[in-house]
């Protein structure tokens, strides 16, 4: 994998930057003067808005092979290196159990990312970020959860979860956190309980439904979005967001924009960084 440069287009001045370390430098501070966890997420999208497409071989939607690439994956790993905790959906664990998960949990143990493990150690961070699994219920592959021994694992559930299932899961030693009054996890309650656990940088690597959960609660602070310069088409796909219209429009302002001319096979990509602010509630 080449770590040759990218072009910084914003903020000025326009200059050449190294790909390696690009996201390790970004300030991550809660905008509120009282502080709190900084919550961020990351996606890669085609120009026609596809973040996942139908994979007949796997029988589910997966990241499009036409846009995924090693240079974006490097930055994904850098964002994981910054995190105290990773948010994933229950589907990730089910795919892990079925052997269809595309990647191991970050931070990857591939030798090309050894510098990121060194970076975490220099920052006084644990070897791996904790894992926070969002689930509507507790019908999960516990064997795989218990097998993730290189990090703490939390299960976040709503208050109405089946109590017998809860006792069964607690007996495995996994940590259960209640983050919602009903049968689903609520974004505000989730971030509050993770703050109480001492997590300051929380990275969601889950999909569009979890993004909706975070946006609707107003707890997301930053979106890292790679725009790969290719259109894919297709009738079955995911875009960034899935769910009901947001009660409060979530608007973004650019924090940084980089052009990478070497994305894959001569096709380029933009690495865009957006910070969030919220407009007034939608009326009418």
Protein backbone atom coordinates (compact mmCIF):
# COMPACT_ATOMS: atom_id res chain seq x y z
CA UNK A 1 0.00 0.00 0.00
CA UNK A 2 1.37 3.38 -0.99
CA UNK A 3 1.35 6.24 1.50
CA UNK A 4 2.08 8.89 -1.14
CA UNK A 5 0.41 12.20 -0.66
CA UNK A 6 -3.02 13.75 -0.91
CA UNK A 7 -3.85 17.36 -1.71
CA UNK A 8 -5.41 19.49 0.99
CA UNK A 9 -8.12 21.58 -0.66
CA UNK A 10 -9.68 22.96 2.54
CA UNK A 11 -8.89 24.72 4.77
CA UNK A 12 -6.38 26.90 2.92
CA UNK A 13 -3.60 26.98 2.10
CA UNK A 14 -3.73 24.33 -0.62
CA UNK A 15 -0.83 21.96 0.08
CA UNK A 16 0.44 18.40 -0.21
CA UNK A 17 -0.17 16.16 2.81
CA UNK A 18 0.95 12.65 3.65
CA UNK A 19 -1.84 10.08 3.68
CA UNK A 20 -0.23 8.34 6.63
CA UNK A 21 -1.19 10.18 9.81
CA UNK A 22 -3.75 12.40 8.08
CA UNK A 23 -6.56 11.66 10.56
CA UNK A 24 -4.35 11.25 13.61
CA UNK A 25 -3.89 15.02 13.78
CA UNK A 26 -7.54 16.13 13.72
CA UNK A 27 -8.69 17.77 16.96
CA UNK A 28 -11.50 15.84 18.61
CA UNK A 29 -13.08 17.95 21.33
CA UNK A 30 -16.69 18.21 22.40
CA UNK A 31 -18.04 21.57 21.18
CA UNK A 32 -19.82 22.20 24.50
CA UNK A 33 -17.65 24.03 27.02
CA UNK A 34 -18.71 21.48 29.65
CA UNK A 35 -17.14 18.72 27.58
CA UNK A 36 -18.28 15.15 27.12
CA UNK A 37 -17.52 12.33 24.67
CA UNK A 38 -16.67 13.22 21.09
CA UNK A 39 -18.76 11.01 18.79
CA UNK A 40 -17.80 10.41 15.16
CA UNK A 41 -18.51 8.05 12.30
CA UNK A 42 -17.08 7.16 8.90
CA UNK A 43 -18.45 5.95 5.55
CA UNK A 44 -17.27 5.47 1.98
CA UNK A 45 -19.75 6.23 -0.79
CA UNK A 46 -19.91 6.06 -4.57
CA UNK A 47 -20.86 9.21 -6.46
CA UNK A 48 -24.42 7.88 -6.78
CA UNK A 49 -24.66 7.50 -3.03
CA UNK A 50 -24.13 3.76 -2.54
CA UNK A 51 -22.45 2.74 0.72
CA UNK A 52 -23.51 -0.93 0.40
CA UNK A 53 -24.84 -3.04 -2.47
CA UNK A 54 -26.41 -6.45 -2.84
CA UNK A 55 -23.97 -9.36 -2.72
CA UNK A 56 -25.65 -12.52 -4.08
CA UNK A 57 -22.72 -14.62 -2.87
CA UNK A 58 -23.22 -13.53 0.74
CA UNK A 59 -26.97 -12.95 0.60
CA UNK A 60 -26.77 -9.48 2.11
CA UNK A 61 -25.68 -5.92 1.45
CA UNK A 62 -21.93 -5.38 1.65
CA UNK A 63 -19.46 -2.56 1.04
CA UNK A 64 -19.11 -2.21 -2.75
CA UNK A 65 -15.95 -3.77 -4.13
CA UNK A 66 -15.97 -1.08 -6.80
CA UNK A 67 -15.14 1.63 -4.27
CA UNK A 68 -13.40 0.03 -1.28
CA UNK A 69 -9.65 0.54 -1.39
CA UNK A 70 -6.52 0.32 0.73
CA UNK A 71 -6.01 4.06 1.07
CA UNK A 72 -9.47 4.67 2.53
CA UNK A 73 -8.97 1.58 4.73
CA UNK A 74 -5.80 3.16 6.11
CA UNK A 75 -7.80 6.18 7.27
CA UNK A 76 -10.53 3.93 8.70
CA UNK A 77 -7.84 2.34 10.86
CA UNK A 78 -6.48 5.73 11.91
CA UNK A 79 -9.93 6.70 13.16
CA UNK A 80 -10.12 3.44 15.10
CA UNK A 81 -6.72 4.20 16.61
CA UNK A 82 -8.15 7.46 18.01
CA UNK A 83 -11.12 5.74 19.69
CA UNK A 84 -11.77 4.68 23.26
CA UNK A 85 -14.82 2.70 22.11
CA UNK A 86 -16.26 1.37 18.84
CA UNK A 87 -20.01 1.15 18.24
CA UNK A 88 -21.21 -1.75 16.08
CA UNK A 89 -24.63 -3.19 15.31
CA UNK A 90 -25.75 -6.70 16.24
CA UNK A 91 -25.62 -7.65 12.55
CA UNK A 92 -21.83 -7.37 12.64
CA UNK A 93 -21.65 -10.14 15.22
CA UNK A 94 -24.11 -12.30 13.35
CA UNK A 95 -21.98 -11.91 10.22
CA UNK A 96 -18.90 -12.72 12.30
CA UNK A 97 -20.59 -15.88 13.53
CA UNK A 98 -21.58 -16.85 9.98
CA UNK A 99 -18.07 -16.20 8.68
CA UNK A 100 -19.26 -13.42 6.34
CA UNK A 101 -17.77 -10.41 8.11
CA UNK A 102 -15.37 -8.68 5.74
CA UNK A 103 -12.81 -7.62 8.30
CA UNK A 104 -11.65 -8.35 11.82
CA UNK A 105 -12.29 -5.78 14.50
CA UNK A 106 -10.08 -2.74 14.24
CA UNK A 107 -7.46 -1.94 15.20
CA UNK A 108 -6.11 -4.42 12.64
CA UNK A 109 -3.12 -6.56 13.58
CA UNK A 110 -1.80 -6.36 10.01
CA UNK A 111 1.89 -5.33 10.21
CA UNK A 112 1.23 -2.35 7.92
CA UNK A 113 -0.69 -0.77 10.82
CA UNK A 114 2.03 -1.35 13.43
CA UNK A 115 2.62 2.40 13.62
CA UNK A 116 -0.98 2.87 14.80
CA UNK A 117 -0.48 0.39 17.62
CA UNK A 118 2.67 2.33 18.53
CA UNK A 119 0.68 5.57 18.41
CA UNK A 120 -1.93 4.23 20.84
CA UNK A 121 0.78 3.05 23.20
CA UNK A 122 2.50 6.46 23.06
CA UNK A 123 -0.84 8.11 23.91
CA UNK A 124 -1.27 5.87 26.95
CA UNK A 125 -4.28 4.12 25.43
CA UNK A 126 -5.16 0.42 25.80
CA UNK A 127 -4.02 -1.83 22.91
CA UNK A 128 -7.58 -1.93 21.49
CA UNK A 129 -10.69 0.25 21.84
CA UNK A 130 -13.61 -1.28 23.71
CA UNK A 131 -16.49 -2.74 21.71
CA UNK A 132 -20.08 -1.58 22.20
CA UNK A 133 -22.70 -3.76 20.51
CA UNK A 134 -26.15 -2.23 19.96
CA UNK A 135 -28.93 -4.79 20.01
CA UNK A 136 -32.72 -4.84 20.14
CA UNK A 137 -32.54 -8.22 21.90
CA UNK A 138 -30.04 -10.69 23.27
CA UNK A 139 -30.29 -13.43 20.66
CA UNK A 140 -26.64 -12.99 19.77
CA UNK A 141 -23.69 -15.30 19.00
CA UNK A 142 -22.29 -15.27 22.53
CA UNK A 143 -19.44 -17.60 21.62
CA UNK A 144 -18.00 -14.98 19.27
CA UNK A 145 -18.54 -12.22 21.82
CA UNK A 146 -16.78 -14.19 24.54
CA UNK A 147 -13.97 -14.95 22.07
CA UNK A 148 -13.10 -11.27 21.65
CA UNK A 149 -10.52 -11.32 24.39
CA UNK A 150 -8.37 -8.37 23.33
CA UNK A 151 -10.83 -5.72 24.55
CA UNK A 152 -13.77 -5.05 26.88
CA UNK A 153 -17.15 -5.86 25.29
CA UNK A 154 -20.38 -4.07 26.18
CA UNK A 155 -23.91 -4.93 25.10
CA UNK A 156 -26.21 -1.90 24.89
CA UNK A 157 -29.93 -2.73 25.08
CA UNK A 158 -33.25 -1.06 25.84
CA UNK A 159 -34.93 -1.38 29.22
CA UNK A 160 -37.59 -3.79 27.97
CA UNK A 161 -35.16 -6.56 27.07
CA UNK A 162 -36.17 -10.02 28.24
CA UNK A 163 -34.90 -10.42 31.82
CA UNK A 164 -34.16 -14.13 31.50
CA UNK A 165 -32.04 -13.46 28.44
CA UNK A 166 -30.35 -10.67 30.35
CA UNK A 167 -29.36 -13.01 33.19
CA UNK A 168 -28.05 -15.55 30.68
CA UNK A 169 -25.84 -12.97 29.00
CA UNK A 170 -24.62 -11.48 32.28
CA UNK A 171 -23.51 -14.96 33.37
CA UNK A 172 -20.96 -14.95 30.54
CA UNK A 173 -19.17 -11.97 32.07
CA UNK A 174 -20.11 -9.55 29.28
CA UNK A 175 -21.00 -6.03 30.40
CA UNK A 176 -24.62 -4.99 29.90
CA UNK A 177 -25.59 -1.31 29.69
CA UNK A 178 -29.19 -0.13 29.51
CA UNK A 179 -29.54 2.78 27.09
CA UNK A 180 -33.21 3.40 26.35
CA UNK A 181 -36.63 3.27 27.98
CA UNK A 182 -38.20 0.91 25.44
CA UNK A 183 -36.99 -2.07 23.45
CA UNK A 184 -34.43 -0.17 21.36
CA UNK A 185 -31.25 1.71 22.18
CA UNK A 186 -31.63 5.50 22.30
CA UNK A 187 -28.75 7.69 21.19
CA UNK A 188 -28.68 10.19 24.06
CA UNK A 189 -28.92 7.50 26.74
CA UNK A 190 -26.22 5.48 24.97
CA UNK A 191 -23.67 8.29 24.94
CA UNK A 192 -24.47 9.22 28.53
CA UNK A 193 -23.87 5.68 29.78
CA UNK A 194 -20.65 5.38 27.75
CA UNK A 195 -19.48 8.71 29.19
CA UNK A 196 -20.06 7.26 32.66
CA UNK A 197 -17.78 4.37 31.66
CA UNK A 198 -15.04 6.92 30.99
CA UNK A 199 -15.05 6.86 27.18
CA UNK A 200 -14.08 10.21 25.63
CA UNK A 201 -13.83 9.35 21.91
CA UNK A 202 -16.56 7.13 20.54
CA UNK A 203 -16.36 5.88 16.94
CA UNK A 204 -19.44 4.39 15.28
CA UNK A 205 -18.51 1.87 12.59
CA UNK A 206 -22.13 0.73 12.30
CA UNK A 207 -24.50 1.37 9.41
CA UNK A 208 -27.25 3.80 8.38
CA UNK A 209 -29.76 2.83 11.09
CA UNK A 210 -27.27 3.51 13.87
CA UNK A 211 -26.35 6.79 12.16
CA UNK A 212 -30.05 7.70 12.33
CA UNK A 213 -30.06 6.85 16.05
CA UNK A 214 -27.12 9.17 16.69
CA UNK A 215 -28.35 12.00 14.47
CA UNK A 216 -31.91 11.96 15.78
CA UNK A 217 -30.57 12.26 19.33
CA UNK A 218 -28.21 15.10 18.39
CA UNK A 219 -25.15 13.30 19.79
CA UNK A 220 -22.99 12.92 16.67
CA UNK A 221 -20.26 15.52 16.22
CA UNK A 222 -18.38 14.56 13.07
CA UNK A 223 -18.85 12.64 9.82
CA UNK A 224 -15.82 11.38 7.91
CA UNK A 225 -17.01 10.63 4.38
CA UNK A 226 -14.94 9.30 1.49
CA UNK A 227 -16.49 10.17 -1.90
CA UNK A 228 -15.08 7.63 -4.35
CA UNK A 229 -15.27 8.91 -7.93
CA UNK A 230 -17.25 6.06 -9.46
CA UNK A 231 -20.98 5.41 -10.02
CA UNK A 232 -22.33 1.92 -9.37
CA UNK A 233 -26.07 1.76 -10.03
CA UNK A 234 -28.06 -1.25 -8.88
CA UNK A 235 -31.58 -1.69 -7.54
CA UNK A 236 -30.75 -2.83 -3.99
CA UNK A 237 -28.44 -0.67 -1.92
CA UNK A 238 -27.93 1.33 1.26
CA UNK A 239 -27.32 5.05 1.48
CA UNK A 240 -26.00 7.01 4.46
CA UNK A 241 -29.22 7.20 6.44
CA UNK A 242 -32.10 4.81 7.08
CA UNK A 243 -35.18 5.67 9.13
CA UNK A 244 -37.93 8.22 9.60
CA UNK A 245 -37.40 11.88 8.65
CA UNK A 246 -35.34 13.65 11.30
CA UNK A 247 -37.32 15.92 13.61
CA UNK A 248 -34.38 18.32 13.60
CA UNK A 249 -32.46 18.80 10.37
CA UNK A 250 -28.85 17.82 10.80
CA UNK A 251 -26.64 20.23 8.85
CA UNK A 252 -22.93 19.93 8.26
CA UNK A 253 -20.07 22.36 7.83
CA UNK A 254 -16.79 21.27 6.22
CA UNK A 255 -13.86 20.87 8.57
CA UNK A 256 -11.44 19.55 5.95
CA UNK A 257 -11.34 18.29 2.36
CA UNK A 258 -8.55 16.32 0.69
CA UNK A 259 -8.17 15.03 -2.86
CA UNK A 260 -6.54 11.64 -3.32
CA UNK A 261 -5.77 11.01 -7.01
CA UNK A 262 -4.67 7.41 -6.35
CA UNK A 263 -7.76 5.80 -4.86
CA UNK A 264 -7.83 2.65 -6.98
CA UNK A 265 -6.74 1.83 -10.54
CA UNK A 266 -6.24 5.49 -11.34
CA UNK A 267 -9.67 6.57 -10.01
CA UNK A 268 -9.53 9.28 -7.36
CA UNK A 269 -11.51 10.07 -4.23
CA UNK A 270 -12.25 12.95 -1.87
CA UNK A 271 -11.70 12.54 1.86
CA UNK A 272 -14.25 14.91 3.39
CA UNK A 273 -14.57 15.79 7.06
CA UNK A 274 -17.85 17.40 8.19
CA UNK A 275 -18.73 18.83 11.59
CA UNK A 276 -22.33 19.02 12.68
CA UNK A 277 -24.65 21.78 13.81
CA UNK A 278 -28.43 21.54 14.19
CA UNK A 279 -30.96 23.87 12.69
CA UNK A 280 -34.35 24.68 14.15
CA UNK A 281 -36.90 21.82 14.15
CA UNK A 282 -38.58 21.17 10.81
CA UNK A 283 -41.97 22.88 10.72
CA UNK A 284 -45.02 22.30 8.61
